[in-house]
Structures are given as structure tokens and as C-alpha cells.
């Protein structure tokens, strides 16, 4: 199947709303960059959505310092559908919502990035922002969360442009 060169899929699950609150500014950053952003909760996403997107951005709440089990299960199940290969070369990224500093948010984020790397996805850090991806903690200000998530939406969009199109807009 041919991928739509202008589509980032945002998959997420949320428990207390913190991870869910991050979706809208990420989506807005993607759209403002000129790409299409499709948002699906973990219960709505299907394999076809993942294969047809040029990038997959995953939002997970922190679960005992790790990725939410439903998110992990989704990627474990995809391994049965042609792994390795179907997600290889696609842009990947992650964001997470946690409780307190030291509660495992960065561990969960890095674990999610490891999952995406195992699927052959292209991950790019950001030297000018949260290096691995957006993290929202209970003490984070709404303005800070919005700004960081919006910037990362633009960051991921720029990577899609650079990988799939010859002309990349300035972010």
C-alpha cells in the first residue's frame, strides 16, 4: 500500500488525562506545519492506520516506570504482522504524562523509543527542547506543556518532510 506522504498518526492512551491533554498541541503543531495529523486512541487504532502513515507518534502514561500495557501490546501484536519491516523507515516519536519527578516518566519515554527503534522507525532527538520527547508531570505548567508539545509536533513534521519530500519548510 502506498503511504500518504503527508500523514502523521498520533496514537495514545490516558488514565488521568495528562497524556491526553498533550495530544491537541502536538496535533496543532503537525497541522500548522502542513501535514495531516490523524489522532486515534489505543482502542481505535488498527494495523492499516499504522502501515499507511508516514510517521507514528505514541503517547503513553507512565506505568511503574514503563510504557502502558495497551500500548506495549499494540506493538507486540504488530510484530506478528510481517515483522520486521512494515514500520521500518517511518518517523517515530513518543510523549508521556507522569506524576512526580522521579516517577519514571523519562524511563517510560525511552522504553517507548526503544520499541519504535526495534520496529526500524526513524527517531530524532531535539537539541533545543526536551531531548527525547515531551514529558508532562503533575507540576508542569499548562503553558509549558502546550509549548513543548506544539514544538515537538512541528519537529516531527519537519522530519517527515525531510524523509519523504524534497522541499522541507522551515520550522
C-alpha atoms as a PDB file:
ATOM      1  CA  UNK A   1       0.000   0.000   0.000  1.00  0.00           C
ATOM      2  CA  UNK A   2       1.277   3.477  -0.851  1.00  0.00           C
ATOM      3  CA  UNK A   3       1.592   5.811   2.124  1.00  0.00           C
ATOM      4  CA  UNK A   4       0.084   9.281   2.160  1.00  0.00           C
ATOM      5  CA  UNK A   5       3.250  11.419   2.247  1.00  0.00           C
ATOM      6  CA  UNK A   6       1.584  13.967   4.483  1.00  0.00           C
ATOM      7  CA  UNK A   7       0.262  11.913   7.393  1.00  0.00           C
ATOM      8  CA  UNK A   8       1.405  11.531  10.978  1.00  0.00           C
ATOM      9  CA  UNK A   9      -0.583   9.125  13.134  1.00  0.00           C
ATOM     10  CA  UNK A  10      -0.851  10.029  16.821  1.00  0.00           C
ATOM     11  CA  UNK A  11      -1.774   7.039  18.992  1.00  0.00           C
ATOM     12  CA  UNK A  12      -2.343   7.473  22.705  1.00  0.00           C
ATOM     13  CA  UNK A  13      -3.933   6.234  25.869  1.00  0.00           C
ATOM     14  CA  UNK A  14      -4.505   8.217  29.023  1.00  0.00           C
ATOM     15  CA  UNK A  15      -5.623   7.490  32.555  1.00  0.00           C
ATOM     16  CA  UNK A  16      -5.821  10.766  34.456  1.00  0.00           C
ATOM     17  CA  UNK A  17      -5.914  12.982  31.359  1.00  0.00           C
ATOM     18  CA  UNK A  18      -2.328  14.241  31.433  1.00  0.00           C
ATOM     19  CA  UNK A  19      -1.203  12.291  28.360  1.00  0.00           C
ATOM     20  CA  UNK A  20      -4.481  13.043  26.602  1.00  0.00           C
ATOM     21  CA  UNK A  21      -4.005  16.775  27.197  1.00  0.00           C
ATOM     22  CA  UNK A  22      -0.751  16.616  25.241  1.00  0.00           C
ATOM     23  CA  UNK A  23      -2.401  15.378  22.036  1.00  0.00           C
ATOM     24  CA  UNK A  24      -4.069  18.606  20.878  1.00  0.00           C
ATOM     25  CA  UNK A  25      -0.942  20.815  20.883  1.00  0.00           C
ATOM     26  CA  UNK A  26       1.072  18.073  19.148  1.00  0.00           C
ATOM     27  CA  UNK A  27      -1.678  17.722  16.538  1.00  0.00           C
ATOM     28  CA  UNK A  28      -1.801  21.513  16.064  1.00  0.00           C
ATOM     29  CA  UNK A  29       1.982  21.670  15.582  1.00  0.00           C
ATOM     30  CA  UNK A  30       1.747  18.959  12.929  1.00  0.00           C
ATOM     31  CA  UNK A  31      -1.154  20.637  11.107  1.00  0.00           C
ATOM     32  CA  UNK A  32       0.443  24.095  11.285  1.00  0.00           C
ATOM     33  CA  UNK A  33       3.485  22.549   9.593  1.00  0.00           C
ATOM     34  CA  UNK A  34       1.325  21.487   6.664  1.00  0.00           C
ATOM     35  CA  UNK A  35       0.891  17.786   7.386  1.00  0.00           C
ATOM     36  CA  UNK A  36      -2.208  15.799   8.128  1.00  0.00           C
ATOM     37  CA  UNK A  37      -2.458  14.534  11.713  1.00  0.00           C
ATOM     38  CA  UNK A  38      -4.705  11.575  12.451  1.00  0.00           C
ATOM     39  CA  UNK A  39      -5.440  11.013  16.142  1.00  0.00           C
ATOM     40  CA  UNK A  40      -6.556   7.614  17.455  1.00  0.00           C
ATOM     41  CA  UNK A  41      -6.851   6.218  20.925  1.00  0.00           C
ATOM     42  CA  UNK A  42      -5.347   2.814  21.517  1.00  0.00           C
ATOM     43  CA  UNK A  43      -8.807   1.237  21.227  1.00  0.00           C
ATOM     44  CA  UNK A  44      -9.475   2.947  17.862  1.00  0.00           C
ATOM     45  CA  UNK A  45      -6.230   2.299  16.006  1.00  0.00           C
ATOM     46  CA  UNK A  46      -5.840  -0.582  13.585  1.00  0.00           C
ATOM     47  CA  UNK A  47      -2.933  -2.105  11.723  1.00  0.00           C
ATOM     48  CA  UNK A  48      -3.923  -0.407   8.461  1.00  0.00           C
ATOM     49  CA  UNK A  49      -3.697   3.019  10.162  1.00  0.00           C
ATOM     50  CA  UNK A  50      -0.155   2.273  11.238  1.00  0.00           C
ATOM     51  CA  UNK A  51       1.026   0.902   7.891  1.00  0.00           C
ATOM     52  CA  UNK A  52      -0.456   3.779   5.871  1.00  0.00           C
ATOM     53  CA  UNK A  53       1.057   6.584   7.992  1.00  0.00           C
ATOM     54  CA  UNK A  54       4.491   8.048   7.312  1.00  0.00           C
ATOM     55  CA  UNK A  55       5.061   8.541  10.995  1.00  0.00           C
ATOM     56  CA  UNK A  56       3.681   7.249  14.278  1.00  0.00           C
ATOM     57  CA  UNK A  57       3.797   9.325  17.441  1.00  0.00           C
ATOM     58  CA  UNK A  58       2.841   7.431  20.586  1.00  0.00           C
ATOM     59  CA  UNK A  59       1.564   8.852  23.862  1.00  0.00           C
ATOM     60  CA  UNK A  60       1.698   6.694  26.955  1.00  0.00           C
ATOM     61  CA  UNK A  61       1.057   7.352  30.609  1.00  0.00           C
ATOM     62  CA  UNK A  62       3.699   6.072  32.995  1.00  0.00           C
ATOM     63  CA  UNK A  63       3.015   2.601  34.403  1.00  0.00           C
ATOM     64  CA  UNK A  64       5.500   1.603  37.097  1.00  0.00           C
ATOM     65  CA  UNK A  65       8.222   3.474  35.223  1.00  0.00           C
ATOM     66  CA  UNK A  66       7.314   1.911  31.892  1.00  0.00           C
ATOM     67  CA  UNK A  67       5.016   2.023  28.868  1.00  0.00           C
ATOM     68  CA  UNK A  68       1.290   1.410  29.364  1.00  0.00           C
ATOM     69  CA  UNK A  69       0.427  -2.253  28.764  1.00  0.00           C
ATOM     70  CA  UNK A  70      -2.089  -1.485  25.994  1.00  0.00           C
ATOM     71  CA  UNK A  71       0.499   0.486  24.018  1.00  0.00           C
ATOM     72  CA  UNK A  72       3.096  -2.252  24.535  1.00  0.00           C
ATOM     73  CA  UNK A  73       0.591  -4.902  23.461  1.00  0.00           C
ATOM     74  CA  UNK A  74      -0.205  -2.990  20.245  1.00  0.00           C
ATOM     75  CA  UNK A  75       3.442  -3.062  19.205  1.00  0.00           C
ATOM     76  CA  UNK A  76       3.897  -6.663  20.346  1.00  0.00           C
ATOM     77  CA  UNK A  77       0.934  -7.675  18.171  1.00  0.00           C
ATOM     78  CA  UNK A  78       2.294  -5.791  15.154  1.00  0.00           C
ATOM     79  CA  UNK A  79       5.384  -7.964  15.409  1.00  0.00           C
ATOM     80  CA  UNK A  80       3.195 -10.856  14.304  1.00  0.00           C
ATOM     81  CA  UNK A  81       2.129  -8.996  11.137  1.00  0.00           C
ATOM     82  CA  UNK A  82       5.183  -9.065   8.907  1.00  0.00           C
ATOM     83  CA  UNK A  83       7.867  -8.081  11.422  1.00  0.00           C
ATOM     84  CA  UNK A  84      10.482  -6.983  10.713  1.00  0.00           C
ATOM     85  CA  UNK A  85       9.716  -4.402   8.122  1.00  0.00           C
ATOM     86  CA  UNK A  86       6.232  -2.922   7.895  1.00  0.00           C
ATOM     87  CA  UNK A  87       7.037   0.088  10.120  1.00  0.00           C
ATOM     88  CA  UNK A  88      10.696   0.363   9.099  1.00  0.00           C
ATOM     89  CA  UNK A  89      11.693   3.789   7.806  1.00  0.00           C
ATOM     90  CA  UNK A  90       8.677   5.582   9.228  1.00  0.00           C
ATOM     91  CA  UNK A  91       9.164   8.523  11.566  1.00  0.00           C
ATOM     92  CA  UNK A  92       8.646   7.557  15.196  1.00  0.00           C
ATOM     93  CA  UNK A  93       8.264   9.572  18.350  1.00  0.00           C
ATOM     94  CA  UNK A  94       6.843   9.408  21.836  1.00  0.00           C
ATOM     95  CA  UNK A  95       5.397  11.556  24.601  1.00  0.00           C
ATOM     96  CA  UNK A  96       4.353  10.733  28.132  1.00  0.00           C
ATOM     97  CA  UNK A  97       2.481  12.053  31.121  1.00  0.00           C
ATOM     98  CA  UNK A  98       3.643  11.154  34.610  1.00  0.00           C
ATOM     99  CA  UNK A  99       3.159  12.123  38.210  1.00  0.00           C
ATOM    100  CA  UNK A 100       6.165  13.426  40.103  1.00  0.00           C
ATOM    101  CA  UNK A 101       9.823  13.869  39.199  1.00  0.00           C
ATOM    102  CA  UNK A 102      11.498  10.509  39.629  1.00  0.00           C
ATOM    103  CA  UNK A 103       8.270   8.610  38.969  1.00  0.00           C
ATOM    104  CA  UNK A 104       9.616   7.038  35.774  1.00  0.00           C
ATOM    105  CA  UNK A 105       8.387   9.385  33.038  1.00  0.00           C
ATOM    106  CA  UNK A 106      11.720   9.556  31.235  1.00  0.00           C
ATOM    107  CA  UNK A 107      12.146   5.781  31.584  1.00  0.00           C
ATOM    108  CA  UNK A 108       8.714   5.233  30.006  1.00  0.00           C
ATOM    109  CA  UNK A 109       9.587   7.634  27.186  1.00  0.00           C
ATOM    110  CA  UNK A 110      12.896   5.896  26.478  1.00  0.00           C
ATOM    111  CA  UNK A 111      11.211   2.470  26.632  1.00  0.00           C
ATOM    112  CA  UNK A 112       8.708   3.607  24.013  1.00  0.00           C
ATOM    113  CA  UNK A 113      11.506   4.894  21.799  1.00  0.00           C
ATOM    114  CA  UNK A 114      13.256   1.504  22.123  1.00  0.00           C
ATOM    115  CA  UNK A 115      10.078  -0.208  20.925  1.00  0.00           C
ATOM    116  CA  UNK A 116       9.894   2.103  17.903  1.00  0.00           C
ATOM    117  CA  UNK A 117      13.591   1.558  17.139  1.00  0.00           C
ATOM    118  CA  UNK A 118      13.069  -2.214  17.260  1.00  0.00           C
ATOM    119  CA  UNK A 119      10.478  -1.747  14.524  1.00  0.00           C
ATOM    120  CA  UNK A 120      13.067   0.112  12.413  1.00  0.00           C
ATOM    121  CA  UNK A 121      11.485   3.522  12.849  1.00  0.00           C
ATOM    122  CA  UNK A 122      13.442   6.764  12.452  1.00  0.00           C
ATOM    123  CA  UNK A 123      13.869   8.636  15.747  1.00  0.00           C
ATOM    124  CA  UNK A 124      15.352  12.113  16.009  1.00  0.00           C
ATOM    125  CA  UNK A 125      16.147  13.869  19.264  1.00  0.00           C
ATOM    126  CA  UNK A 126      15.841  17.598  19.740  1.00  0.00           C
ATOM    127  CA  UNK A 127      18.843  19.561  20.978  1.00  0.00           C
ATOM    128  CA  UNK A 128      16.692  22.678  21.551  1.00  0.00           C
ATOM    129  CA  UNK A 129      13.886  21.223  23.663  1.00  0.00           C
ATOM    130  CA  UNK A 130      13.063  18.149  25.740  1.00  0.00           C
ATOM    131  CA  UNK A 131      15.704  15.929  24.154  1.00  0.00           C
ATOM    132  CA  UNK A 132      13.762  12.670  23.820  1.00  0.00           C
ATOM    133  CA  UNK A 133      10.184  13.919  23.536  1.00  0.00           C
ATOM    134  CA  UNK A 134       7.589  15.826  25.538  1.00  0.00           C
ATOM    135  CA  UNK A 135       7.006  14.868  29.177  1.00  0.00           C
ATOM    136  CA  UNK A 136       4.199  16.345  31.286  1.00  0.00           C
ATOM    137  CA  UNK A 137       4.333  15.973  35.053  1.00  0.00           C
ATOM    138  CA  UNK A 138       1.700  16.982  37.586  1.00  0.00           C
ATOM    139  CA  UNK A 139       3.759  20.062  38.454  1.00  0.00           C
ATOM    140  CA  UNK A 140       4.274  21.134  34.817  1.00  0.00           C
ATOM    141  CA  UNK A 141       2.526  24.354  33.808  1.00  0.00           C
ATOM    142  CA  UNK A 142      -0.124  24.110  31.110  1.00  0.00           C
ATOM    143  CA  UNK A 143       1.709  26.762  29.061  1.00  0.00           C
ATOM    144  CA  UNK A 144       4.972  24.831  29.238  1.00  0.00           C
ATOM    145  CA  UNK A 145       3.274  21.575  28.243  1.00  0.00           C
ATOM    146  CA  UNK A 146       1.444  23.236  25.353  1.00  0.00           C
ATOM    147  CA  UNK A 147       4.576  24.954  24.044  1.00  0.00           C
ATOM    148  CA  UNK A 148       6.773  21.859  24.264  1.00  0.00           C
ATOM    149  CA  UNK A 149       4.156  19.610  22.652  1.00  0.00           C
ATOM    150  CA  UNK A 150       3.434  22.098  19.865  1.00  0.00           C
ATOM    151  CA  UNK A 151       7.159  22.443  19.113  1.00  0.00           C
ATOM    152  CA  UNK A 152       7.578  18.677  19.019  1.00  0.00           C
ATOM    153  CA  UNK A 153       4.626  18.374  16.601  1.00  0.00           C
ATOM    154  CA  UNK A 154       6.484  20.739  14.285  1.00  0.00           C
ATOM    155  CA  UNK A 155       9.765  18.877  14.890  1.00  0.00           C
ATOM    156  CA  UNK A 156       8.267  15.511  13.877  1.00  0.00           C
ATOM    157  CA  UNK A 157       6.596  17.123  10.846  1.00  0.00           C
ATOM    158  CA  UNK A 158       9.897  18.558   9.681  1.00  0.00           C
ATOM    159  CA  UNK A 159      11.461  15.102   9.882  1.00  0.00           C
ATOM    160  CA  UNK A 160       8.635  13.654   7.747  1.00  0.00           C
ATOM    161  CA  UNK A 161       9.219  16.396   5.168  1.00  0.00           C
ATOM    162  CA  UNK A 162      12.946  15.725   5.108  1.00  0.00           C
ATOM    163  CA  UNK A 163      12.482  11.974   4.686  1.00  0.00           C
ATOM    164  CA  UNK A 164       9.562  11.947   2.241  1.00  0.00           C
ATOM    165  CA  UNK A 165       9.625  15.193   0.304  1.00  0.00           C
ATOM    166  CA  UNK A 166      12.346  17.137  -1.424  1.00  0.00           C
ATOM    167  CA  UNK A 167      11.297  20.540  -0.077  1.00  0.00           C
ATOM    168  CA  UNK A 168      11.185  20.918   3.692  1.00  0.00           C
ATOM    169  CA  UNK A 169       9.503  24.033   5.086  1.00  0.00           C
ATOM    170  CA  UNK A 170      11.368  25.987   7.728  1.00  0.00           C
ATOM    171  CA  UNK A 171      10.077  25.136  11.188  1.00  0.00           C
END
